[in-house]
Amino acid sequence: MVYIVRGIIGAFGLLTLVVCCLRLYLRRFILQAFGLDDYLVLLSLAMVLVFAALSIILTTYGIGFHQDTVPDADMIMMEKYVYILFCLYLWVALAVKCSLTVFIMRVFPTKWVRRVGLGIMGLMAVVTISGELPLVFQCWPVRATWDKTIPNYKCFSNTVLENLQLYQAILMLLFDVSIISLPIPTIWNLQMPVQRRLFIIGLFCIGFVACGAGLARIPLLNFQVNSTDYTYVGAVPLILMNVEYALGLITGSLPSLRVLLRSIPGLNSSNKNSDPSGGWEQGPSHSGYQLGSHPHWAHKLMGQKKGDAESLDNESQQRIVVTTIVEQS
């Protein structure tokens, strides 16, 4: 199990690093339109990689091994790293989900998307801050979280911790579904063939796989209460947390990578007619909203001025057409 944990977490960490670096390279050096969502991706990537590294370190102290084979000294170190990961969990989730939300707000800058996106991020911030306190102070003194030799310590029961994590996991799952579903109505109203719309929706729906990882983790939360082999059964929830973060970042970065491929000489002409996404663009006979008509707040998210919209036209492709009038803020 130890090698499985290390292999899966390491593979998803490497995949996330490659995808996000390609996206950031594209935005910074090709489109020259580095916006708020890109800074959030950079922050999220750093946090996800730190979380993955700590998770792998955790396997050297017992996670993935059967508990009766783990020395007491390693158990103490393992509990310390578990505590650190518990404290990081909500903040990493907040960063990843905010980066995806701001990306959606930039690509689909309607008033409805903006309001819902800001509302979701506000609720996530409240949940993160309120949920962090009981995780940090689950034992008093705090050191007793990993060192039970301290006299007269007080800790939450395993049942309380399980219920707390269950509450947080369900809320995060609901946030995931809300964020990923946010652009789907706008995408479906684009005046383009159904195949292209489904392709674009499919890129975002990769995030539902991340939701699946979060959903699969929920029934496993009772391992703290019912398991006598905590170090072994705790490996799967650890894997699922890392997979959830990785797929969340990848979901927000994949739509940008098409532009990187189209910038490679020889690929643009050969793929132009066969690409099912159609580049999110239409011919000159269509009327749609262009970046020049985006509301002022959208240009702040894009990291550019209104007169500098041409670079982002290459990504969202200048003529994203909607069947409804884009509301101006």
C-alpha atoms as a PDB file:
ATOM      1  CA  MET A   1       0.000   0.000   0.000  1.00  0.00           C
ATOM      2  CA  VAL A   2       2.881   2.384   0.747  1.00  0.00           C
ATOM      3  CA  TYR A   3       4.154   2.301  -2.829  1.00  0.00           C
ATOM      4  CA  ILE A   4       0.633   2.704  -4.179  1.00  0.00           C
ATOM      5  CA  VAL A   5       0.159   5.836  -2.069  1.00  0.00           C
ATOM      6  CA  ARG A   6       3.474   7.310  -3.159  1.00  0.00           C
ATOM      7  CA  GLY A   7       2.951   6.384  -6.797  1.00  0.00           C
ATOM      8  CA  ILE A   8      -0.555   7.821  -7.157  1.00  0.00           C
ATOM      9  CA  ILE A   9       0.151  11.009  -5.211  1.00  0.00           C
ATOM     10  CA  GLY A  10       3.458  11.521  -7.021  1.00  0.00           C
ATOM     11  CA  ALA A  11       1.920  10.913 -10.456  1.00  0.00           C
ATOM     12  CA  PHE A  12      -0.971  13.317  -9.906  1.00  0.00           C
ATOM     13  CA  GLY A  13       1.390  15.891  -8.426  1.00  0.00           C
ATOM     14  CA  LEU A  14       3.655  15.692 -11.473  1.00  0.00           C
ATOM     15  CA  LEU A  15       0.705  15.848 -13.888  1.00  0.00           C
ATOM     16  CA  THR A  16      -0.670  18.897 -12.089  1.00  0.00           C
ATOM     17  CA  LEU A  17       2.734  20.586 -12.169  1.00  0.00           C
ATOM     18  CA  VAL A  18       3.120  20.018 -15.922  1.00  0.00           C
ATOM     19  CA  VAL A  19      -0.417  21.146 -16.828  1.00  0.00           C
ATOM     20  CA  CYS A  20      -0.322  24.254 -14.627  1.00  0.00           C
ATOM     21  CA  CYS A  21       3.163  25.267 -15.787  1.00  0.00           C
ATOM     22  CA  LEU A  22       2.055  24.995 -19.413  1.00  0.00           C
ATOM     23  CA  ARG A  23      -1.011  27.102 -18.644  1.00  0.00           C
ATOM     24  CA  LEU A  24       1.045  29.746 -16.816  1.00  0.00           C
ATOM     25  CA  TYR A  25       3.651  29.816 -19.596  1.00  0.00           C
ATOM     26  CA  LEU A  26       0.884  30.326 -22.131  1.00  0.00           C
ATOM     27  CA  ARG A  27      -0.755  33.134 -20.197  1.00  0.00           C
ATOM     28  CA  ARG A  28       2.489  34.926 -19.351  1.00  0.00           C
ATOM     29  CA  PHE A  29       4.646  34.590 -22.462  1.00  0.00           C
ATOM     30  CA  ILE A  30       2.284  33.841 -25.365  1.00  0.00           C
ATOM     31  CA  LEU A  31      -0.918  35.703 -24.518  1.00  0.00           C
ATOM     32  CA  GLN A  32       0.817  38.183 -22.200  1.00  0.00           C
ATOM     33  CA  ALA A  33      -2.371  38.405 -20.166  1.00  0.00           C
ATOM     34  CA  PHE A  34      -1.481  37.236 -16.678  1.00  0.00           C
ATOM     35  CA  GLY A  35      -4.573  37.792 -14.542  1.00  0.00           C
ATOM     36  CA  LEU A  36      -5.828  37.205 -11.027  1.00  0.00           C
ATOM     37  CA  ASP A  37      -6.838  33.626 -11.787  1.00  0.00           C
ATOM     38  CA  ASP A  38      -3.278  32.880 -12.913  1.00  0.00           C
ATOM     39  CA  TYR A  39      -1.830  34.179  -9.655  1.00  0.00           C
ATOM     40  CA  LEU A  40      -4.348  32.038  -7.795  1.00  0.00           C
ATOM     41  CA  VAL A  41      -3.302  29.004  -9.857  1.00  0.00           C
ATOM     42  CA  LEU A  42       0.324  29.707  -8.952  1.00  0.00           C
ATOM     43  CA  LEU A  43      -0.580  29.906  -5.262  1.00  0.00           C
ATOM     44  CA  SER A  44      -2.794  26.830  -5.479  1.00  0.00           C
ATOM     45  CA  LEU A  45      -0.114  24.841  -7.286  1.00  0.00           C
ATOM     46  CA  ALA A  46       2.423  25.615  -4.569  1.00  0.00           C
ATOM     47  CA  MET A  47      -0.040  24.593  -1.850  1.00  0.00           C
ATOM     48  CA  VAL A  48      -1.083  21.395  -3.658  1.00  0.00           C
ATOM     49  CA  LEU A  49       2.544  20.352  -4.152  1.00  0.00           C
ATOM     50  CA  VAL A  50       3.359  21.047  -0.498  1.00  0.00           C
ATOM     51  CA  PHE A  51       0.328  18.989   0.528  1.00  0.00           C
ATOM     52  CA  ALA A  52       1.452  16.153  -1.776  1.00  0.00           C
ATOM     53  CA  ALA A  53       5.011  16.278  -0.432  1.00  0.00           C
ATOM     54  CA  LEU A  54       3.787  16.114   3.172  1.00  0.00           C
ATOM     55  CA  SER A  55       1.509  13.223   2.225  1.00  0.00           C
ATOM     56  CA  ILE A  56       4.445  11.276   0.803  1.00  0.00           C
ATOM     57  CA  ILE A  57       6.550  12.080   3.875  1.00  0.00           C
ATOM     58  CA  LEU A  58       3.675  10.722   5.949  1.00  0.00           C
ATOM     59  CA  THR A  59       4.195   7.294   4.387  1.00  0.00           C
ATOM     60  CA  THR A  60       7.677   7.139   5.916  1.00  0.00           C
ATOM     61  CA  TYR A  61       6.117   7.341   9.380  1.00  0.00           C
ATOM     62  CA  GLY A  62       3.377   4.762   9.074  1.00  0.00           C
ATOM     63  CA  ILE A  63       0.615   5.634   6.617  1.00  0.00           C
ATOM     64  CA  GLY A  64       0.171   2.658   4.335  1.00  0.00           C
ATOM     65  CA  PHE A  65       1.637   0.222   6.857  1.00  0.00           C
ATOM     66  CA  HIS A  66      -0.374  -1.938   9.216  1.00  0.00           C
ATOM     67  CA  GLN A  67      -0.531  -0.243  12.591  1.00  0.00           C
ATOM     68  CA  ASP A  68       0.911  -3.145  14.579  1.00  0.00           C
ATOM     69  CA  THR A  69       4.149  -2.812  12.588  1.00  0.00           C
ATOM     70  CA  VAL A  70       4.617   0.924  13.224  1.00  0.00           C
ATOM     71  CA  PRO A  71       6.947   1.890  16.126  1.00  0.00           C
ATOM     72  CA  ASP A  72       5.582   4.233  18.783  1.00  0.00           C
ATOM     73  CA  ALA A  73       8.075   6.956  17.864  1.00  0.00           C
ATOM     74  CA  ASP A  74       6.905   6.850  14.246  1.00  0.00           C
ATOM     75  CA  MET A  75       3.284   6.970  15.368  1.00  0.00           C
ATOM     76  CA  ILE A  76       3.967  10.251  17.169  1.00  0.00           C
ATOM     77  CA  MET A  77       5.599  11.735  14.065  1.00  0.00           C
ATOM     78  CA  MET A  78       2.770  10.435  11.903  1.00  0.00           C
ATOM     79  CA  GLU A  79       0.158  12.069  14.131  1.00  0.00           C
ATOM     80  CA  LYS A  80       2.080  15.338  13.899  1.00  0.00           C
ATOM     81  CA  TYR A  81       2.049  15.275  10.093  1.00  0.00           C
ATOM     82  CA  VAL A  82      -1.612  14.237  10.056  1.00  0.00           C
ATOM     83  CA  TYR A  83      -2.367  17.269  12.220  1.00  0.00           C
ATOM     84  CA  ILE A  84      -0.491  19.552   9.813  1.00  0.00           C
ATOM     85  CA  LEU A  85      -2.395  18.124   6.846  1.00  0.00           C
ATOM     86  CA  PHE A  86      -5.701  18.551   8.662  1.00  0.00           C
ATOM     87  CA  CYS A  87      -4.871  22.213   9.247  1.00  0.00           C
ATOM     88  CA  LEU A  88      -3.851  22.714   5.603  1.00  0.00           C
ATOM     89  CA  TYR A  89      -6.765  20.829   4.055  1.00  0.00           C
ATOM     90  CA  LEU A  90      -9.355  23.614   4.024  1.00  0.00           C
ATOM     91  CA  TRP A  91      -6.904  26.295   2.892  1.00  0.00           C
ATOM     92  CA  VAL A  92      -5.654  24.219  -0.035  1.00  0.00           C
ATOM     93  CA  ALA A  93      -9.247  23.483  -1.014  1.00  0.00           C
ATOM     94  CA  LEU A  94     -10.127  27.193  -0.799  1.00  0.00           C
ATOM     95  CA  ALA A  95      -7.206  28.217  -3.017  1.00  0.00           C
ATOM     96  CA  VAL A  96      -7.953  25.581  -5.669  1.00  0.00           C
ATOM     97  CA  LYS A  97     -11.673  26.323  -5.798  1.00  0.00           C
ATOM     98  CA  CYS A  98     -11.144  30.099  -5.900  1.00  0.00           C
ATOM     99  CA  SER A  99      -8.678  29.768  -8.793  1.00  0.00           C
ATOM    100  CA  LEU A 100     -11.256  27.800 -10.786  1.00  0.00           C
ATOM    101  CA  THR A 101     -14.065  30.214  -9.876  1.00  0.00           C
ATOM    102  CA  VAL A 102     -12.098  33.305 -10.918  1.00  0.00           C
ATOM    103  CA  PHE A 103     -11.105  31.569 -14.165  1.00  0.00           C
ATOM    104  CA  ILE A 104     -14.780  30.959 -14.948  1.00  0.00           C
ATOM    105  CA  MET A 105     -15.618  34.564 -14.064  1.00  0.00           C
ATOM    106  CA  ARG A 106     -12.946  35.769 -16.493  1.00  0.00           C
ATOM    107  CA  VAL A 107     -13.979  33.598 -19.432  1.00  0.00           C
ATOM    108  CA  PHE A 108     -17.724  34.138 -18.897  1.00  0.00           C
ATOM    109  CA  PRO A 109     -17.958  37.727 -17.567  1.00  0.00           C
ATOM    110  CA  THR A 110     -21.729  38.017 -17.210  1.00  0.00           C
ATOM    111  CA  LYS A 111     -23.320  39.682 -14.221  1.00  0.00           C
ATOM    112  CA  TRP A 112     -24.961  36.412 -13.128  1.00  0.00           C
ATOM    113  CA  VAL A 113     -21.687  34.465 -13.215  1.00  0.00           C
ATOM    114  CA  ARG A 114     -19.952  37.263 -11.346  1.00  0.00           C
ATOM    115  CA  ARG A 115     -22.536  37.444  -8.564  1.00  0.00           C
ATOM    116  CA  VAL A 116     -22.774  33.688  -8.087  1.00  0.00           C
ATOM    117  CA  GLY A 117     -18.989  33.323  -8.251  1.00  0.00           C
ATOM    118  CA  LEU A 118     -18.399  35.998  -5.624  1.00  0.00           C
ATOM    119  CA  GLY A 119     -21.112  34.469  -3.442  1.00  0.00           C
ATOM    120  CA  ILE A 120     -19.541  31.016  -3.647  1.00  0.00           C
ATOM    121  CA  MET A 121     -16.086  32.361  -2.783  1.00  0.00           C
ATOM    122  CA  GLY A 122     -17.499  34.319   0.143  1.00  0.00           C
ATOM    123  CA  LEU A 123     -19.238  31.246   1.541  1.00  0.00           C
ATOM    124  CA  MET A 124     -16.098  29.154   1.065  1.00  0.00           C
ATOM    125  CA  ALA A 125     -14.050  31.710   2.987  1.00  0.00           C
ATOM    126  CA  VAL A 126     -16.537  31.616   5.876  1.00  0.00           C
ATOM    127  CA  VAL A 127     -16.549  27.803   5.932  1.00  0.00           C
ATOM    128  CA  THR A 128     -12.752  27.683   5.808  1.00  0.00           C
ATOM    129  CA  ILE A 129     -12.188  30.117   8.652  1.00  0.00           C
ATOM    130  CA  SER A 130     -14.918  28.678  10.867  1.00  0.00           C
ATOM    131  CA  GLY A 131     -13.854  25.111  10.126  1.00  0.00           C
ATOM    132  CA  GLU A 132     -10.172  25.751  10.722  1.00  0.00           C
ATOM    133  CA  LEU A 133     -10.502  26.710  14.381  1.00  0.00           C
ATOM    134  CA  PRO A 134     -11.804  23.357  15.674  1.00  0.00           C
ATOM    135  CA  LEU A 135      -9.168  21.538  13.611  1.00  0.00           C
ATOM    136  CA  VAL A 136      -6.335  23.622  15.032  1.00  0.00           C
ATOM    137  CA  PHE A 137      -7.606  23.376  18.606  1.00  0.00           C
ATOM    138  CA  GLN A 138      -8.905  19.811  18.550  1.00  0.00           C
ATOM    139  CA  CYS A 139      -6.657  19.166  21.552  1.00  0.00           C
ATOM    140  CA  TRP A 140      -5.495  21.377  24.380  1.00  0.00           C
ATOM    141  CA  PRO A 141      -2.647  21.873  24.711  1.00  0.00           C
ATOM    142  CA  VAL A 142      -2.234  21.598  20.947  1.00  0.00           C
ATOM    143  CA  ARG A 143       0.814  19.360  21.334  1.00  0.00           C
ATOM    144  CA  ALA A 144      -1.438  16.667  22.747  1.00  0.00           C
ATOM    145  CA  THR A 145      -2.818  16.176  19.239  1.00  0.00           C
ATOM    146  CA  TRP A 146       0.222  14.030  18.463  1.00  0.00           C
ATOM    147  CA  ASP A 147       1.777  13.461  21.894  1.00  0.00           C
ATOM    148  CA  LYS A 148      -0.591  11.685  24.263  1.00  0.00           C
ATOM    149  CA  THR A 149       2.063  11.480  26.991  1.00  0.00           C
ATOM    150  CA  ILE A 150       1.213  15.037  28.045  1.00  0.00           C
ATOM    151  CA  PRO A 151      -0.695  14.960  31.356  1.00  0.00           C
ATOM    152  CA  ASN A 152      -4.209  16.367  31.756  1.00  0.00           C
ATOM    153  CA  TYR A 153      -4.787  17.006  28.069  1.00  0.00           C
ATOM    154  CA  LYS A 154      -8.243  17.343  26.559  1.00  0.00           C
ATOM    155  CA  CYS A 155      -9.200  16.394  22.997  1.00  0.00           C
ATOM    156  CA  PHE A 156     -12.302  16.077  20.901  1.00  0.00           C
ATOM    157  CA  SER A 157     -13.562  12.536  20.693  1.00  0.00           C
ATOM    158  CA  ASN A 158     -13.052  10.621  17.456  1.00  0.00           C
ATOM    159  CA  THR A 159     -16.793  10.843  16.852  1.00  0.00           C
ATOM    160  CA  VAL A 160     -16.696  14.642  17.037  1.00  0.00           C
ATOM    161  CA  LEU A 161     -13.743  14.761  14.644  1.00  0.00           C
ATOM    162  CA  GLU A 162     -15.503  12.428  12.237  1.00  0.00           C
ATOM    163  CA  ASN A 163     -18.665  14.551  12.261  1.00  0.00           C
ATOM    164  CA  LEU A 164     -16.613  17.711  11.770  1.00  0.00           C
ATOM    165  CA  GLN A 165     -14.794  16.270   8.762  1.00  0.00           C
ATOM    166  CA  LEU A 166     -18.048  14.889   7.361  1.00  0.00           C
ATOM    167  CA  TYR A 167     -19.662  18.321   7.589  1.00  0.00           C
ATOM    168  CA  GLN A 168     -16.689  19.944   5.862  1.00  0.00           C
ATOM    169  CA  ALA A 169     -16.452  17.274   3.155  1.00  0.00           C
ATOM    170  CA  ILE A 170     -20.136  17.602   2.250  1.00  0.00           C
ATOM    171  CA  LEU A 171     -19.918  21.400   2.045  1.00  0.00           C
ATOM    172  CA  MET A 172     -16.805  21.221  -0.126  1.00  0.00           C
ATOM    173  CA  LEU A 173     -18.540  18.730  -2.408  1.00  0.00           C
ATOM    174  CA  LEU A 174     -21.494  21.096  -2.799  1.00  0.00           C
ATOM    175  CA  PHE A 175     -19.117  23.957  -3.585  1.00  0.00           C
ATOM    176  CA  ASP A 176     -17.395  21.817  -6.226  1.00  0.00           C
ATOM    177  CA  VAL A 177     -20.656  20.960  -7.958  1.00  0.00           C
ATOM    178  CA  SER A 178     -21.776  24.609  -7.857  1.00  0.00           C
ATOM    179  CA  ILE A 179     -18.515  25.914  -9.333  1.00  0.00           C
ATOM    180  CA  ILE A 180     -18.283  23.357 -12.121  1.00  0.00           C
ATOM    181  CA  SER A 181     -21.952  23.830 -13.025  1.00  0.00           C
ATOM    182  CA  LEU A 182     -21.621  27.631 -13.090  1.00  0.00           C
ATOM    183  CA  PRO A 183     -20.527  28.062 -16.743  1.00  0.00           C
ATOM    184  CA  ILE A 184     -22.612  25.237 -18.240  1.00  0.00           C
ATOM    185  CA  PRO A 185     -25.777  27.309 -18.984  1.00  0.00           C
ATOM    186  CA  THR A 186     -23.701  29.993 -20.720  1.00  0.00           C
ATOM    187  CA  ILE A 187     -21.741  27.411 -22.717  1.00  0.00           C
ATOM    188  CA  TRP A 188     -24.936  25.685 -23.795  1.00  0.00           C
ATOM    189  CA  ASN A 189     -26.288  28.981 -25.148  1.00  0.00           C
ATOM    190  CA  LEU A 190     -23.264  29.519 -27.401  1.00  0.00           C
ATOM    191  CA  GLN A 191     -24.279  29.644 -31.061  1.00  0.00           C
ATOM    192  CA  MET A 192     -22.140  26.750 -32.215  1.00  0.00           C
ATOM    193  CA  PRO A 193     -22.740  23.086 -33.098  1.00  0.00           C
ATOM    194  CA  VAL A 194     -23.804  20.786 -30.289  1.00  0.00           C
ATOM    195  CA  GLN A 195     -20.609  18.762 -30.660  1.00  0.00           C
ATOM    196  CA  ARG A 196     -18.507  21.815 -29.915  1.00  0.00           C
ATOM    197  CA  ARG A 197     -20.615  22.827 -26.948  1.00  0.00           C
ATOM    198  CA  LEU A 198     -20.387  19.327 -25.517  1.00  0.00           C
ATOM    199  CA  PHE A 199     -16.618  19.364 -26.008  1.00  0.00           C
ATOM    200  CA  ILE A 200     -16.255  22.591 -24.016  1.00  0.00           C
ATOM    201  CA  ILE A 201     -18.621  21.366 -21.307  1.00  0.00           C
ATOM    202  CA  GLY A 202     -16.615  18.140 -21.184  1.00  0.00           C
ATOM    203  CA  LEU A 203     -13.450  20.072 -20.352  1.00  0.00           C
ATOM    204  CA  PHE A 204     -15.126  21.563 -17.304  1.00  0.00           C
ATOM    205  CA  CYS A 205     -16.810  18.290 -16.378  1.00  0.00           C
ATOM    206  CA  ILE A 206     -13.407  16.805 -15.633  1.00  0.00           C
ATOM    207  CA  GLY A 207     -14.008  18.614 -12.372  1.00  0.00           C
ATOM    208  CA  PHE A 208     -16.840  16.200 -11.640  1.00  0.00           C
ATOM    209  CA  VAL A 209     -14.197  13.474 -11.414  1.00  0.00           C
ATOM    210  CA  ALA A 210     -12.665  15.548  -8.625  1.00  0.00           C
ATOM    211  CA  CYS A 211     -16.130  15.649  -7.062  1.00  0.00           C
ATOM    212  CA  GLY A 212     -16.173  11.866  -7.339  1.00  0.00           C
ATOM    213  CA  ALA A 213     -12.939  11.684  -5.361  1.00  0.00           C
ATOM    214  CA  GLY A 214     -14.452  13.906  -2.674  1.00  0.00           C
ATOM    215  CA  LEU A 215     -17.637  11.851  -2.649  1.00  0.00           C
ATOM    216  CA  ALA A 216     -15.709   8.576  -2.375  1.00  0.00           C
ATOM    217  CA  ARG A 217     -13.840   9.945   0.636  1.00  0.00           C
ATOM    218  CA  ILE A 218     -16.984  10.645   2.662  1.00  0.00           C
ATOM    219  CA  PRO A 219     -17.847   7.014   3.578  1.00  0.00           C
ATOM    220  CA  LEU A 220     -14.226   6.455   4.590  1.00  0.00           C
ATOM    221  CA  LEU A 221     -14.191   9.165   7.241  1.00  0.00           C
ATOM    222  CA  ASN A 222     -15.279   6.756   9.960  1.00  0.00           C
ATOM    223  CA  PHE A 223     -11.896   5.037   9.848  1.00  0.00           C
ATOM    224  CA  GLN A 224     -10.860   7.178  12.833  1.00  0.00           C
ATOM    225  CA  VAL A 225     -13.674   5.748  14.956  1.00  0.00           C
ATOM    226  CA  ASN A 226     -14.099   2.159  13.852  1.00  0.00           C
ATOM    227  CA  SER A 227     -10.707   1.062  12.578  1.00  0.00           C
ATOM    228  CA  THR A 228      -8.045  -0.646  14.667  1.00  0.00           C
ATOM    229  CA  ASP A 229      -5.637  -0.269  11.742  1.00  0.00           C
ATOM    230  CA  TYR A 230      -5.684   3.514  11.412  1.00  0.00           C
ATOM    231  CA  THR A 231      -2.368   3.788   9.574  1.00  0.00           C
ATOM    232  CA  TYR A 232      -3.417   1.360   6.829  1.00  0.00           C
ATOM    233  CA  VAL A 233      -7.017   2.367   6.137  1.00  0.00           C
ATOM    234  CA  GLY A 234      -6.123   6.064   6.345  1.00  0.00           C
ATOM    235  CA  ALA A 235      -4.068   5.734   3.160  1.00  0.00           C
ATOM    236  CA  VAL A 236      -7.053   5.761   0.789  1.00  0.00           C
ATOM    237  CA  PRO A 237      -8.594   9.029   2.096  1.00  0.00           C
ATOM    238  CA  LEU A 238      -5.143  10.595   1.814  1.00  0.00           C
ATOM    239  CA  ILE A 239      -4.905   9.539  -1.840  1.00  0.00           C
ATOM    240  CA  LEU A 240      -8.395  10.844  -2.589  1.00  0.00           C
ATOM    241  CA  MET A 241      -7.657  14.265  -1.084  1.00  0.00           C
ATOM    242  CA  ASN A 242      -4.595  14.665  -3.299  1.00  0.00           C
ATOM    243  CA  VAL A 243      -6.466  13.463  -6.396  1.00  0.00           C
ATOM    244  CA  GLU A 244      -9.287  15.907  -5.662  1.00  0.00           C
ATOM    245  CA  TYR A 245      -6.894  18.872  -5.474  1.00  0.00           C
ATOM    246  CA  ALA A 246      -4.963  17.835  -8.573  1.00  0.00           C
ATOM    247  CA  LEU A 247      -8.050  17.401 -10.745  1.00  0.00           C
ATOM    248  CA  GLY A 248      -9.454  20.705  -9.514  1.00  0.00           C
ATOM    249  CA  LEU A 249      -6.378  22.563 -10.768  1.00  0.00           C
ATOM    250  CA  ILE A 250      -6.231  20.583 -13.993  1.00  0.00           C
ATOM    251  CA  THR A 251      -9.889  21.393 -14.726  1.00  0.00           C
ATOM    252  CA  GLY A 252      -9.148  25.113 -14.668  1.00  0.00           C
ATOM    253  CA  SER A 253      -6.028  24.796 -16.823  1.00  0.00           C
ATOM    254  CA  LEU A 254      -6.966  22.378 -19.617  1.00  0.00           C
ATOM    255  CA  PRO A 255      -9.146  24.843 -21.590  1.00  0.00           C
ATOM    256  CA  SER A 256      -6.112  27.109 -21.980  1.00  0.00           C
ATOM    257  CA  LEU A 257      -3.830  24.409 -23.361  1.00  0.00           C
ATOM    258  CA  ARG A 258      -5.637  24.317 -26.731  1.00  0.00           C
ATOM    259  CA  VAL A 259      -4.244  27.738 -27.432  1.00  0.00           C
ATOM    260  CA  LEU A 260      -0.726  26.506 -26.699  1.00  0.00           C
ATOM    261  CA  LEU A 261      -1.132  23.681 -29.227  1.00  0.00           C
ATOM    262  CA  ARG A 262      -2.514  26.081 -31.836  1.00  0.00           C
ATOM    263  CA  SER A 263       0.543  28.311 -31.391  1.00  0.00           C
ATOM    264  CA  ILE A 264       2.883  25.510 -32.530  1.00  0.00           C
ATOM    265  CA  PRO A 265       3.753  25.940 -36.240  1.00  0.00           C
ATOM    266  CA  GLY A 266       2.082  23.344 -38.415  1.00  0.00           C
ATOM    267  CA  LEU A 267      -0.627  22.400 -35.923  1.00  0.00           C
ATOM    268  CA  ASN A 268      -2.913  25.364 -36.436  1.00  0.00           C
ATOM    269  CA  SER A 269      -3.715  24.767 -40.079  1.00  0.00           C
ATOM    270  CA  SER A 270      -4.021  21.009 -39.780  1.00  0.00           C
ATOM    271  CA  ASN A 271      -6.312  21.067 -36.798  1.00  0.00           C
ATOM    272  CA  LYS A 272      -8.420  24.064 -37.644  1.00  0.00           C
ATOM    273  CA  ASN A 273     -11.200  22.192 -39.370  1.00  0.00           C
ATOM    274  CA  SER A 274     -11.080  18.995 -37.335  1.00  0.00           C
ATOM    275  CA  ASP A 275     -10.996  20.451 -33.846  1.00  0.00           C
ATOM    276  CA  PRO A 276     -14.333  19.643 -32.190  1.00  0.00           C
ATOM    277  CA  SER A 277     -14.081  22.659 -29.933  1.00  0.00           C
ATOM    278  CA  GLY A 278     -13.937  25.001 -32.866  1.00  0.00           C
ATOM    279  CA  GLY A 279     -11.734  27.286 -30.796  1.00  0.00           C
ATOM    280  CA  TRP A 280     -14.869  28.747 -29.253  1.00  0.00           C
ATOM    281  CA  GLU A 281     -14.999  30.974 -32.286  1.00  0.00           C
ATOM    282  CA  GLN A 282     -17.336  31.682 -35.116  1.00  0.00           C
ATOM    283  CA  GLY A 283     -16.923  33.221 -38.527  1.00  0.00           C
ATOM    284  CA  PRO A 284     -17.507  36.881 -39.304  1.00  0.00           C
ATOM    285  CA  SER A 285     -21.136  36.219 -40.134  1.00  0.00           C
ATOM    286  CA  HIS A 286     -21.914  35.707 -36.471  1.00  0.00           C
ATOM    287  CA  SER A 287     -22.438  38.416 -33.950  1.00  0.00           C
ATOM    288  CA  GLY A 288     -21.185  37.987 -30.447  1.00  0.00           C
ATOM    289  CA  TYR A 289     -19.591  39.824 -27.612  1.00  0.00           C
ATOM    290  CA  GLN A 290     -15.926  40.650 -27.878  1.00  0.00           C
ATOM    291  CA  LEU A 291     -13.457  41.522 -25.197  1.00  0.00           C
ATOM    292  CA  GLY A 292     -13.902  45.182 -25.835  1.00  0.00           C
ATOM    293  CA  SER A 293     -17.466  44.849 -24.577  1.00  0.00           C
ATOM    294  CA  HIS A 294     -16.500  43.051 -21.395  1.00  0.00           C
ATOM    295  CA  PRO A 295     -17.360  44.913 -18.200  1.00  0.00           C
ATOM    296  CA  HIS A 296     -14.593  46.820 -16.453  1.00  0.00           C
ATOM    297  CA  TRP A 297     -14.253  44.298 -13.608  1.00  0.00           C
ATOM    298  CA  ALA A 298     -13.550  41.527 -16.128  1.00  0.00           C
ATOM    299  CA  HIS A 299     -10.500  43.334 -17.465  1.00  0.00           C
ATOM    300  CA  LYS A 300      -9.087  43.499 -13.953  1.00  0.00           C
ATOM    301  CA  LEU A 301      -9.439  39.737 -13.673  1.00  0.00           C
ATOM    302  CA  MET A 302      -7.753  39.383 -17.069  1.00  0.00           C
ATOM    303  CA  GLY A 303      -4.747  41.329 -15.910  1.00  0.00           C
ATOM    304  CA  GLN A 304      -4.941  43.817 -18.754  1.00  0.00           C
ATOM    305  CA  LYS A 305      -6.526  47.052 -19.900  1.00  0.00           C
ATOM    306  CA  LYS A 306      -9.515  47.286 -22.191  1.00  0.00           C
ATOM    307  CA  GLY A 307      -7.364  48.430 -25.076  1.00  0.00           C
ATOM    308  CA  ASP A 308      -5.116  45.394 -24.649  1.00  0.00           C
ATOM    309  CA  ALA A 309      -7.796  42.789 -25.243  1.00  0.00           C
ATOM    310  CA  GLU A 310      -6.307  41.195 -28.340  1.00  0.00           C
ATOM    311  CA  SER A 311      -4.111  38.782 -26.391  1.00  0.00           C
ATOM    312  CA  LEU A 312      -7.019  37.198 -24.587  1.00  0.00           C
ATOM    313  CA  ASP A 313      -8.966  37.005 -27.821  1.00  0.00           C
ATOM    314  CA  ASN A 314      -6.593  34.207 -28.733  1.00  0.00           C
ATOM    315  CA  GLU A 315      -7.791  32.205 -25.733  1.00  0.00           C
ATOM    316  CA  SER A 316     -11.496  32.812 -25.451  1.00  0.00           C
ATOM    317  CA  GLN A 317     -11.451  33.563 -29.183  1.00  0.00           C
ATOM    318  CA  GLN A 318     -12.969  36.985 -29.547  1.00  0.00           C
ATOM    319  CA  ARG A 319     -16.374  35.812 -30.751  1.00  0.00           C
ATOM    320  CA  ILE A 320     -17.891  33.740 -27.996  1.00  0.00           C
ATOM    321  CA  VAL A 321     -21.524  34.001 -29.005  1.00  0.00           C
ATOM    322  CA  VAL A 322     -24.407  33.876 -26.589  1.00  0.00           C
ATOM    323  CA  THR A 323     -28.079  33.742 -27.364  1.00  0.00           C
ATOM    324  CA  THR A 324     -28.855  36.122 -24.546  1.00  0.00           C
ATOM    325  CA  ILE A 325     -27.703  39.702 -24.125  1.00  0.00           C
ATOM    326  CA  VAL A 326     -24.608  39.951 -21.969  1.00  0.00           C
ATOM    327  CA  GLU A 327     -25.438  42.012 -18.960  1.00  0.00           C
ATOM    328  CA  GLN A 328     -23.091  44.846 -18.253  1.00  0.00           C
ATOM    329  CA  SER A 329     -22.108  45.562 -14.714  1.00  0.00           C
END
